[in-house]
Amino acid sequence: MSACNHNCESCKEKCDAPQQEQPHELSRIKRVIAVVSGKGGVGKSSVTALLASAMRGKGYNCAVLDADITGASIPKMFGVNGGLNGDGTGIFPAQAKSGIKLVSSNLLLEHETDPVVWRGPIIAGMVKQFWTDVIWGDVDYMFIDCPPGTGDVPLTVFQSIKIDGIVVVTTPQELVSMIVEKAVNMANMMKIPVLGIVENMSYVLCPHCNDRIDVFGTGKAVKEVSQKFGLPLLAEIPYDKGIVKAADEGKIDECDKKYIASAVDILESGLPVSKHTD
């Protein structure tokens, strides 16, 4: 339909638009947050992992659904490898040492460097299966690491899964910030709230004098986008060798989360849930 606003809940028309899928009957997921970016290479997966780890550190049951099927990196950041197990009931997610539940295409490959050479519909179908066929159990906050752009998979996530909010990741360059608007506009078209923007690789701290060095610019364009749409700048994450090292060594849970503390506070207060006591 030419006048479609992509909000199927309020629509009375009969069409072929995909409907939201229900999670597995043994999954109880309270909040779902999609982490998106207008383009690749901005550190979206790192931000996803940091947010999940920080929320887990506050006592919440957390999970990460890695929807970046052809560029999966979430398991490596958490030091998780091996396959996924299942039975006639469903698929069981892997678990990081901290207890964060993970599902990723890399956990289905014989070797983590094997390429996933699939066309869009098959990739989109796998993302749906990660939602419908995995027994996630009790989850307070699920983070979905979406592939970059506004193509098949982000569209599948937005249309098939009930998303409570979106976090947009960018870097300070004006070119990247321009593409942020595409991601924000897509979310607005789908009637999904944008919780805010995370500016990654925002600056570098001099190891000698601790002065801030704006390697990629001052981030003025990001602030302008955030003001234009009335969105909070959730965090400014510097290029920190500690975070990079932790991700490379599969120890993202162990690195300092101070740079995203304000983002976590906003997510916690904006999407409140009751913590599990188990």
C-alpha atoms as a PDB file:
ATOM      1  CA  MET A   1       0.000   0.000   0.000  1.00  0.00           C
ATOM      2  CA  SER A   2       1.420   3.398  -0.970  1.00  0.00           C
ATOM      3  CA  ALA A   3       0.118   4.997   2.227  1.00  0.00           C
ATOM      4  CA  CYS A   4       1.452   2.248   4.507  1.00  0.00           C
ATOM      5  CA  ASN A   5       3.011   3.558   7.732  1.00  0.00           C
ATOM      6  CA  HIS A   6       4.430   0.078   8.563  1.00  0.00           C
ATOM      7  CA  ASN A   7       2.432  -0.014  11.809  1.00  0.00           C
ATOM      8  CA  CYS A   8       0.466  -3.246  11.385  1.00  0.00           C
ATOM      9  CA  GLU A   9      -1.161  -3.073  14.836  1.00  0.00           C
ATOM     10  CA  SER A  10      -3.351  -0.103  13.873  1.00  0.00           C
ATOM     11  CA  CYS A  11      -3.962  -1.184  10.269  1.00  0.00           C
ATOM     12  CA  LYS A  12      -7.283  -2.617   9.056  1.00  0.00           C
ATOM     13  CA  GLU A  13      -6.111  -3.371   5.525  1.00  0.00           C
ATOM     14  CA  LYS A  14      -5.430  -6.908   4.374  1.00  0.00           C
ATOM     15  CA  CYS A  15      -2.026  -7.113   2.752  1.00  0.00           C
ATOM     16  CA  ASP A  16       1.063  -9.271   2.546  1.00  0.00           C
ATOM     17  CA  ALA A  17       3.033  -7.223   5.075  1.00  0.00           C
ATOM     18  CA  PRO A  18       4.868  -9.452   7.563  1.00  0.00           C
ATOM     19  CA  GLN A  19       3.340  -9.736  11.016  1.00  0.00           C
ATOM     20  CA  GLN A  20       5.222  -9.663  14.308  1.00  0.00           C
ATOM     21  CA  GLU A  21       6.468 -13.075  15.365  1.00  0.00           C
ATOM     22  CA  GLN A  22       5.987 -14.456  18.846  1.00  0.00           C
ATOM     23  CA  PRO A  23       9.066 -15.647  20.746  1.00  0.00           C
ATOM     24  CA  HIS A  24       9.372 -19.266  21.793  1.00  0.00           C
ATOM     25  CA  GLU A  25       6.689 -20.287  24.278  1.00  0.00           C
ATOM     26  CA  LEU A  26       9.373 -20.872  26.926  1.00  0.00           C
ATOM     27  CA  SER A  27      10.877 -17.416  26.438  1.00  0.00           C
ATOM     28  CA  ARG A  28       9.862 -14.537  28.703  1.00  0.00           C
ATOM     29  CA  ILE A  29      11.508 -11.408  27.330  1.00  0.00           C
ATOM     30  CA  LYS A  30      10.622  -8.110  28.981  1.00  0.00           C
ATOM     31  CA  ARG A  31      12.478  -5.529  26.882  1.00  0.00           C
ATOM     32  CA  VAL A  32      14.063  -5.662  23.436  1.00  0.00           C
ATOM     33  CA  ILE A  33      16.552  -3.011  22.321  1.00  0.00           C
ATOM     34  CA  ALA A  34      17.911  -2.967  18.769  1.00  0.00           C
ATOM     35  CA  VAL A  35      21.365  -1.470  18.222  1.00  0.00           C
ATOM     36  CA  VAL A  36      21.683  -0.070  14.710  1.00  0.00           C
ATOM     37  CA  SER A  37      23.967   2.032  12.558  1.00  0.00           C
ATOM     38  CA  GLY A  38      23.630   3.765   9.213  1.00  0.00           C
ATOM     39  CA  LYS A  39      26.874   2.219   7.982  1.00  0.00           C
ATOM     40  CA  GLY A  40      29.462  -0.357   8.981  1.00  0.00           C
ATOM     41  CA  GLY A  41      32.681   0.093  10.896  1.00  0.00           C
ATOM     42  CA  VAL A  42      31.355   2.340  13.647  1.00  0.00           C
ATOM     43  CA  GLY A  43      31.652  -0.207  16.477  1.00  0.00           C
ATOM     44  CA  LYS A  44      28.004  -1.185  16.743  1.00  0.00           C
ATOM     45  CA  SER A  45      28.754  -4.719  17.949  1.00  0.00           C
ATOM     46  CA  SER A  46      31.155  -3.403  20.587  1.00  0.00           C
ATOM     47  CA  VAL A  47      28.481  -1.016  21.869  1.00  0.00           C
ATOM     48  CA  THR A  48      25.939  -3.854  21.920  1.00  0.00           C
ATOM     49  CA  ALA A  49      28.296  -6.024  23.961  1.00  0.00           C
ATOM     50  CA  LEU A  50      29.159  -3.201  26.359  1.00  0.00           C
ATOM     51  CA  LEU A  51      25.499  -2.344  26.975  1.00  0.00           C
ATOM     52  CA  ALA A  52      24.552  -5.973  27.613  1.00  0.00           C
ATOM     53  CA  SER A  53      27.533  -6.470  29.911  1.00  0.00           C
ATOM     54  CA  ALA A  54      26.842  -3.280  31.847  1.00  0.00           C
ATOM     55  CA  MET A  55      23.177  -4.147  32.353  1.00  0.00           C
ATOM     56  CA  ARG A  56      24.156  -7.648  33.458  1.00  0.00           C
ATOM     57  CA  GLY A  57      26.522  -6.055  35.960  1.00  0.00           C
ATOM     58  CA  LYS A  58      23.544  -4.220  37.454  1.00  0.00           C
ATOM     59  CA  GLY A  59      21.792  -7.506  38.139  1.00  0.00           C
ATOM     60  CA  TYR A  60      19.576  -7.936  35.085  1.00  0.00           C
ATOM     61  CA  ASN A  61      19.200 -11.092  33.043  1.00  0.00           C
ATOM     62  CA  CYS A  62      20.504 -10.109  29.614  1.00  0.00           C
ATOM     63  CA  ALA A  63      20.759 -11.651  26.178  1.00  0.00           C
ATOM     64  CA  VAL A  64      22.239 -10.733  22.808  1.00  0.00           C
ATOM     65  CA  LEU A  65      20.666 -11.832  19.546  1.00  0.00           C
ATOM     66  CA  ASP A  66      23.356 -11.390  16.909  1.00  0.00           C
ATOM     67  CA  ALA A  67      21.379 -10.443  13.785  1.00  0.00           C
ATOM     68  CA  ASP A  68      24.520  -9.553  11.843  1.00  0.00           C
ATOM     69  CA  ILE A  69      24.495 -12.972  10.214  1.00  0.00           C
ATOM     70  CA  THR A  70      27.270 -12.423   7.662  1.00  0.00           C
ATOM     71  CA  GLY A  71      29.489 -10.350   9.954  1.00  0.00           C
ATOM     72  CA  ALA A  72      28.950 -11.952  13.340  1.00  0.00           C
ATOM     73  CA  SER A  73      31.417 -10.953  16.057  1.00  0.00           C
ATOM     74  CA  ILE A  74      29.466 -11.104  19.332  1.00  0.00           C
ATOM     75  CA  PRO A  75      30.611 -14.611  20.432  1.00  0.00           C
ATOM     76  CA  LYS A  76      34.295 -13.715  20.043  1.00  0.00           C
ATOM     77  CA  MET A  77      33.896 -10.605  22.197  1.00  0.00           C
ATOM     78  CA  PHE A  78      32.439 -12.715  25.014  1.00  0.00           C
ATOM     79  CA  GLY A  79      34.939 -15.549  24.582  1.00  0.00           C
ATOM     80  CA  VAL A  80      32.230 -18.018  23.565  1.00  0.00           C
ATOM     81  CA  ASN A  81      32.799 -20.694  20.940  1.00  0.00           C
ATOM     82  CA  GLY A  82      31.403 -24.062  19.993  1.00  0.00           C
ATOM     83  CA  GLY A  83      27.968 -24.958  18.707  1.00  0.00           C
ATOM     84  CA  LEU A  84      24.424 -24.463  19.904  1.00  0.00           C
ATOM     85  CA  ASN A  85      22.489 -27.339  21.439  1.00  0.00           C
ATOM     86  CA  GLY A  86      18.823 -28.116  21.189  1.00  0.00           C
ATOM     87  CA  ASP A  87      16.128 -30.752  21.401  1.00  0.00           C
ATOM     88  CA  GLY A  88      12.656 -31.281  20.059  1.00  0.00           C
ATOM     89  CA  THR A  89      11.478 -28.275  22.059  1.00  0.00           C
ATOM     90  CA  GLY A  90      13.852 -25.682  20.666  1.00  0.00           C
ATOM     91  CA  ILE A  91      17.395 -24.307  20.558  1.00  0.00           C
ATOM     92  CA  PHE A  92      19.323 -23.386  23.693  1.00  0.00           C
ATOM     93  CA  PRO A  93      21.436 -20.212  23.645  1.00  0.00           C
ATOM     94  CA  ALA A  94      25.107 -20.232  24.581  1.00  0.00           C
ATOM     95  CA  GLN A  95      26.174 -18.406  27.735  1.00  0.00           C
ATOM     96  CA  ALA A  96      29.057 -16.087  28.492  1.00  0.00           C
ATOM     97  CA  LYS A  97      30.862 -16.435  31.811  1.00  0.00           C
ATOM     98  CA  SER A  98      28.780 -13.576  33.183  1.00  0.00           C
ATOM     99  CA  GLY A  99      25.570 -15.414  32.332  1.00  0.00           C
ATOM    100  CA  ILE A 100      24.635 -13.332  29.278  1.00  0.00           C
ATOM    101  CA  LYS A 101      22.793 -15.535  26.777  1.00  0.00           C
ATOM    102  CA  LEU A 102      24.013 -15.436  23.170  1.00  0.00           C
ATOM    103  CA  VAL A 103      22.837 -16.677  19.803  1.00  0.00           C
ATOM    104  CA  SER A 104      24.850 -16.017  16.669  1.00  0.00           C
ATOM    105  CA  SER A 105      25.453 -17.540  13.248  1.00  0.00           C
ATOM    106  CA  ASN A 106      29.115 -17.976  14.237  1.00  0.00           C
ATOM    107  CA  LEU A 107      28.004 -20.541  16.818  1.00  0.00           C
ATOM    108  CA  LEU A 108      26.568 -22.646  13.990  1.00  0.00           C
ATOM    109  CA  LEU A 109      29.705 -22.740  11.834  1.00  0.00           C
ATOM    110  CA  GLU A 110      32.396 -25.411  11.905  1.00  0.00           C
ATOM    111  CA  HIS A 111      35.035 -22.664  11.883  1.00  0.00           C
ATOM    112  CA  GLU A 112      34.335 -19.101  12.983  1.00  0.00           C
ATOM    113  CA  THR A 113      36.124 -17.791   9.873  1.00  0.00           C
ATOM    114  CA  ASP A 114      33.854 -19.701   7.473  1.00  0.00           C
ATOM    115  CA  PRO A 115      31.907 -17.198   5.335  1.00  0.00           C
ATOM    116  CA  VAL A 116      28.109 -17.130   5.382  1.00  0.00           C
ATOM    117  CA  VAL A 117      27.294 -16.852   1.679  1.00  0.00           C
ATOM    118  CA  TRP A 118      23.522 -16.574   1.731  1.00  0.00           C
ATOM    119  CA  ARG A 119      20.984 -14.383   0.013  1.00  0.00           C
ATOM    120  CA  GLY A 120      18.789 -11.910   1.865  1.00  0.00           C
ATOM    121  CA  PRO A 121      15.640 -14.016   2.394  1.00  0.00           C
ATOM    122  CA  ILE A 122      17.606 -16.882   3.972  1.00  0.00           C
ATOM    123  CA  ILE A 123      19.464 -14.489   6.267  1.00  0.00           C
ATOM    124  CA  ALA A 124      16.209 -12.821   7.284  1.00  0.00           C
ATOM    125  CA  GLY A 125      14.691 -16.246   7.953  1.00  0.00           C
ATOM    126  CA  MET A 126      17.545 -17.154  10.294  1.00  0.00           C
ATOM    127  CA  VAL A 127      17.049 -13.950  12.276  1.00  0.00           C
ATOM    128  CA  LYS A 128      13.388 -14.881  12.735  1.00  0.00           C
ATOM    129  CA  GLN A 129      14.407 -18.356  13.891  1.00  0.00           C
ATOM    130  CA  PHE A 130      16.756 -16.868  16.471  1.00  0.00           C
ATOM    131  CA  TRP A 131      13.673 -15.146  17.879  1.00  0.00           C
ATOM    132  CA  THR A 132      11.034 -17.879  17.525  1.00  0.00           C
ATOM    133  CA  ASP A 133      12.984 -21.138  17.935  1.00  0.00           C
ATOM    134  CA  VAL A 134      15.458 -20.257  20.695  1.00  0.00           C
ATOM    135  CA  ILE A 135      14.463 -20.970  24.290  1.00  0.00           C
ATOM    136  CA  TRP A 136      15.691 -17.722  25.822  1.00  0.00           C
ATOM    137  CA  GLY A 137      14.053 -18.288  29.194  1.00  0.00           C
ATOM    138  CA  ASP A 138      13.775 -15.274  31.498  1.00  0.00           C
ATOM    139  CA  VAL A 139      15.349 -12.168  29.963  1.00  0.00           C
ATOM    140  CA  ASP A 140      15.065  -8.642  31.327  1.00  0.00           C
ATOM    141  CA  TYR A 141      16.885  -6.907  28.478  1.00  0.00           C
ATOM    142  CA  MET A 142      17.596  -8.404  25.077  1.00  0.00           C
ATOM    143  CA  PHE A 143      19.950  -6.508  22.782  1.00  0.00           C
ATOM    144  CA  ILE A 144      19.770  -7.174  19.039  1.00  0.00           C
ATOM    145  CA  ASP A 145      22.967  -6.445  17.152  1.00  0.00           C
ATOM    146  CA  CYS A 146      21.673  -5.452  13.716  1.00  0.00           C
ATOM    147  CA  PRO A 147      23.790  -5.340  10.561  1.00  0.00           C
ATOM    148  CA  PRO A 148      24.518  -1.841   9.228  1.00  0.00           C
ATOM    149  CA  GLY A 149      22.211   0.030   6.894  1.00  0.00           C
ATOM    150  CA  THR A 150      18.469  -0.017   6.320  1.00  0.00           C
ATOM    151  CA  GLY A 151      18.164  -3.194   4.234  1.00  0.00           C
ATOM    152  CA  ASP A 152      16.582  -6.622   4.549  1.00  0.00           C
ATOM    153  CA  VAL A 153      17.698  -7.681   8.011  1.00  0.00           C
ATOM    154  CA  PRO A 154      17.041  -4.439   9.952  1.00  0.00           C
ATOM    155  CA  LEU A 155      13.658  -4.301   8.234  1.00  0.00           C
ATOM    156  CA  THR A 156      12.964  -7.913   9.243  1.00  0.00           C
ATOM    157  CA  VAL A 157      13.919  -7.139  12.852  1.00  0.00           C
ATOM    158  CA  PHE A 158      11.729  -4.026  12.980  1.00  0.00           C
ATOM    159  CA  GLN A 159       8.719  -5.733  11.396  1.00  0.00           C
ATOM    160  CA  SER A 160       8.934  -9.200  12.959  1.00  0.00           C
ATOM    161  CA  ILE A 161       9.992  -8.468  16.535  1.00  0.00           C
ATOM    162  CA  LYS A 162       8.347  -6.162  19.046  1.00  0.00           C
ATOM    163  CA  ILE A 163      11.134  -3.640  19.590  1.00  0.00           C
ATOM    164  CA  ASP A 164      10.901  -1.408  22.654  1.00  0.00           C
ATOM    165  CA  GLY A 165      13.574   1.019  21.503  1.00  0.00           C
ATOM    166  CA  ILE A 166      16.531   1.631  19.227  1.00  0.00           C
ATOM    167  CA  VAL A 167      20.044   2.838  20.010  1.00  0.00           C
ATOM    168  CA  VAL A 168      21.859   4.399  17.047  1.00  0.00           C
ATOM    169  CA  VAL A 169      25.662   4.123  16.946  1.00  0.00           C
ATOM    170  CA  THR A 170      27.821   6.550  14.991  1.00  0.00           C
ATOM    171  CA  THR A 171      31.255   8.165  14.883  1.00  0.00           C
ATOM    172  CA  PRO A 172      32.054  11.903  14.813  1.00  0.00           C
ATOM    173  CA  GLN A 173      32.647  12.289  11.057  1.00  0.00           C
ATOM    174  CA  GLU A 174      30.088  14.451   9.298  1.00  0.00           C
ATOM    175  CA  LEU A 175      29.628  11.834   6.553  1.00  0.00           C
ATOM    176  CA  VAL A 176      28.690   9.149   9.065  1.00  0.00           C
ATOM    177  CA  SER A 177      26.453  11.538  10.971  1.00  0.00           C
ATOM    178  CA  MET A 178      24.539  12.263   7.786  1.00  0.00           C
ATOM    179  CA  ILE A 179      23.812   8.539   7.449  1.00  0.00           C
ATOM    180  CA  VAL A 180      22.575   8.465  11.058  1.00  0.00           C
ATOM    181  CA  GLU A 181      19.531  10.373   9.850  1.00  0.00           C
ATOM    182  CA  LYS A 182      18.657   7.467   7.570  1.00  0.00           C
ATOM    183  CA  ALA A 183      18.566   5.064  10.523  1.00  0.00           C
ATOM    184  CA  VAL A 184      16.545   7.511  12.635  1.00  0.00           C
ATOM    185  CA  ASN A 185      14.111   8.177   9.796  1.00  0.00           C
ATOM    186  CA  MET A 186      13.673   4.443   9.237  1.00  0.00           C
ATOM    187  CA  ALA A 187      12.857   3.933  12.909  1.00  0.00           C
ATOM    188  CA  ASN A 188      10.365   6.785  12.783  1.00  0.00           C
ATOM    189  CA  MET A 189       8.724   5.264   9.701  1.00  0.00           C
ATOM    190  CA  MET A 190       8.322   1.995  11.595  1.00  0.00           C
ATOM    191  CA  LYS A 191       6.922   3.819  14.651  1.00  0.00           C
ATOM    192  CA  ILE A 192       9.706   2.512  16.900  1.00  0.00           C
ATOM    193  CA  PRO A 193      11.103   4.886  19.545  1.00  0.00           C
ATOM    194  CA  VAL A 194      14.735   5.933  19.204  1.00  0.00           C
ATOM    195  CA  LEU A 195      16.239   5.967  22.692  1.00  0.00           C
ATOM    196  CA  GLY A 196      19.297   7.980  21.740  1.00  0.00           C
ATOM    197  CA  ILE A 197      22.640   8.109  19.962  1.00  0.00           C
ATOM    198  CA  VAL A 198      25.984   6.661  21.024  1.00  0.00           C
ATOM    199  CA  GLU A 199      29.036   8.371  19.538  1.00  0.00           C
ATOM    200  CA  ASN A 200      31.774   5.748  19.344  1.00  0.00           C
ATOM    201  CA  MET A 201      35.487   6.438  18.720  1.00  0.00           C
ATOM    202  CA  SER A 202      34.585   9.927  19.852  1.00  0.00           C
ATOM    203  CA  TYR A 203      38.108  10.969  20.868  1.00  0.00           C
ATOM    204  CA  VAL A 204      41.473   9.747  22.130  1.00  0.00           C
ATOM    205  CA  LEU A 205      42.975  10.573  25.513  1.00  0.00           C
ATOM    206  CA  CYS A 206      46.665  11.439  25.308  1.00  0.00           C
ATOM    207  CA  PRO A 207      48.605   8.820  27.316  1.00  0.00           C
ATOM    208  CA  HIS A 208      51.044  11.477  28.503  1.00  0.00           C
ATOM    209  CA  CYS A 209      48.957  14.529  29.443  1.00  0.00           C
ATOM    210  CA  ASN A 210      45.445  13.004  29.385  1.00  0.00           C
ATOM    211  CA  ASP A 211      44.240  15.767  27.054  1.00  0.00           C
ATOM    212  CA  ARG A 212      41.357  14.968  24.720  1.00  0.00           C
ATOM    213  CA  ILE A 213      42.290  14.638  21.041  1.00  0.00           C
ATOM    214  CA  ASP A 214      39.421  14.790  18.553  1.00  0.00           C
ATOM    215  CA  VAL A 215      40.922  12.507  15.911  1.00  0.00           C
ATOM    216  CA  PHE A 216      37.768  12.265  13.794  1.00  0.00           C
ATOM    217  CA  GLY A 217      36.414  15.758  14.435  1.00  0.00           C
ATOM    218  CA  THR A 218      34.508  17.368  17.255  1.00  0.00           C
ATOM    219  CA  GLY A 219      31.247  15.496  16.746  1.00  0.00           C
ATOM    220  CA  LYS A 220      29.396  18.710  15.959  1.00  0.00           C
ATOM    221  CA  ALA A 221      27.336  16.987  13.270  1.00  0.00           C
ATOM    222  CA  VAL A 222      26.261  14.251  15.687  1.00  0.00           C
ATOM    223  CA  LYS A 223      25.082  16.832  18.202  1.00  0.00           C
ATOM    224  CA  GLU A 224      23.168  18.630  15.452  1.00  0.00           C
ATOM    225  CA  VAL A 225      21.384  15.405  14.466  1.00  0.00           C
ATOM    226  CA  SER A 226      20.602  14.670  18.085  1.00  0.00           C
ATOM    227  CA  GLN A 227      19.136  18.170  18.570  1.00  0.00           C
ATOM    228  CA  LYS A 228      17.215  18.016  15.282  1.00  0.00           C
ATOM    229  CA  PHE A 229      15.352  14.880  16.344  1.00  0.00           C
ATOM    230  CA  GLY A 230      15.258  15.670  20.061  1.00  0.00           C
ATOM    231  CA  LEU A 231      17.377  12.630  20.941  1.00  0.00           C
ATOM    232  CA  PRO A 232      19.764  12.338  23.878  1.00  0.00           C
ATOM    233  CA  LEU A 233      23.450  11.730  23.213  1.00  0.00           C
ATOM    234  CA  LEU A 234      23.672   8.613  25.362  1.00  0.00           C
ATOM    235  CA  ALA A 235      27.436   8.292  25.450  1.00  0.00           C
ATOM    236  CA  GLU A 236      30.699   9.484  23.934  1.00  0.00           C
ATOM    237  CA  ILE A 237      33.009   6.478  23.903  1.00  0.00           C
ATOM    238  CA  PRO A 238      36.683   7.203  23.195  1.00  0.00           C
ATOM    239  CA  TYR A 239      39.037   5.000  21.246  1.00  0.00           C
ATOM    240  CA  ASP A 240      40.249   3.031  24.248  1.00  0.00           C
ATOM    241  CA  LYS A 241      42.899   0.325  23.845  1.00  0.00           C
ATOM    242  CA  GLY A 242      41.507  -1.402  26.919  1.00  0.00           C
ATOM    243  CA  ILE A 243      38.129  -1.969  25.257  1.00  0.00           C
ATOM    244  CA  VAL A 244      39.760  -3.122  22.022  1.00  0.00           C
ATOM    245  CA  LYS A 245      42.028  -5.557  23.876  1.00  0.00           C
ATOM    246  CA  ALA A 246      39.153  -6.934  25.948  1.00  0.00           C
ATOM    247  CA  ALA A 247      37.024  -7.514  22.838  1.00  0.00           C
ATOM    248  CA  ASP A 248      39.887  -9.197  20.985  1.00  0.00           C
ATOM    249  CA  GLU A 249      40.587 -11.508  23.929  1.00  0.00           C
ATOM    250  CA  GLY A 250      36.947 -12.406  24.549  1.00  0.00           C
ATOM    251  CA  LYS A 251      36.850 -10.496  27.817  1.00  0.00           C
ATOM    252  CA  ILE A 252      34.417  -7.692  27.029  1.00  0.00           C
ATOM    253  CA  ASP A 253      32.656  -8.463  30.334  1.00  0.00           C
ATOM    254  CA  GLU A 254      35.809  -7.501  32.224  1.00  0.00           C
ATOM    255  CA  CYS A 255      36.505  -4.074  30.732  1.00  0.00           C
ATOM    256  CA  ASP A 256      35.549  -0.769  32.339  1.00  0.00           C
ATOM    257  CA  LYS A 257      31.998   0.358  31.492  1.00  0.00           C
ATOM    258  CA  LYS A 258      32.417   3.934  32.728  1.00  0.00           C
ATOM    259  CA  TYR A 259      32.006   5.442  29.276  1.00  0.00           C
ATOM    260  CA  ILE A 260      28.493   4.052  28.872  1.00  0.00           C
ATOM    261  CA  ALA A 261      27.293   4.580  32.440  1.00  0.00           C
ATOM    262  CA  SER A 262      24.965   7.415  31.411  1.00  0.00           C
ATOM    263  CA  ALA A 263      23.550   5.327  28.565  1.00  0.00           C
ATOM    264  CA  VAL A 264      22.812   2.471  30.941  1.00  0.00           C
ATOM    265  CA  ASP A 265      21.103   4.832  33.372  1.00  0.00           C
ATOM    266  CA  ILE A 266      18.873   6.171  30.601  1.00  0.00           C
ATOM    267  CA  LEU A 267      17.983   2.678  29.362  1.00  0.00           C
ATOM    268  CA  GLU A 268      17.243   1.527  32.895  1.00  0.00           C
ATOM    269  CA  SER A 269      15.043   4.504  33.731  1.00  0.00           C
ATOM    270  CA  GLY A 270      13.419   4.766  30.304  1.00  0.00           C
ATOM    271  CA  LEU A 271      12.628   1.055  29.989  1.00  0.00           C
ATOM    272  CA  PRO A 272      12.247  -0.060  33.612  1.00  0.00           C
ATOM    273  CA  VAL A 273      11.828  -3.729  34.522  1.00  0.00           C
ATOM    274  CA  SER A 274      11.842  -5.618  37.774  1.00  0.00           C
ATOM    275  CA  LYS A 275      15.100  -7.467  38.336  1.00  0.00           C
ATOM    276  CA  HIS A 276      15.107 -11.228  38.619  1.00  0.00           C
ATOM    277  CA  THR A 277      16.230 -12.554  41.970  1.00  0.00           C
ATOM    278  CA  ASP A 278      17.639 -15.838  40.662  1.00  0.00           C
END
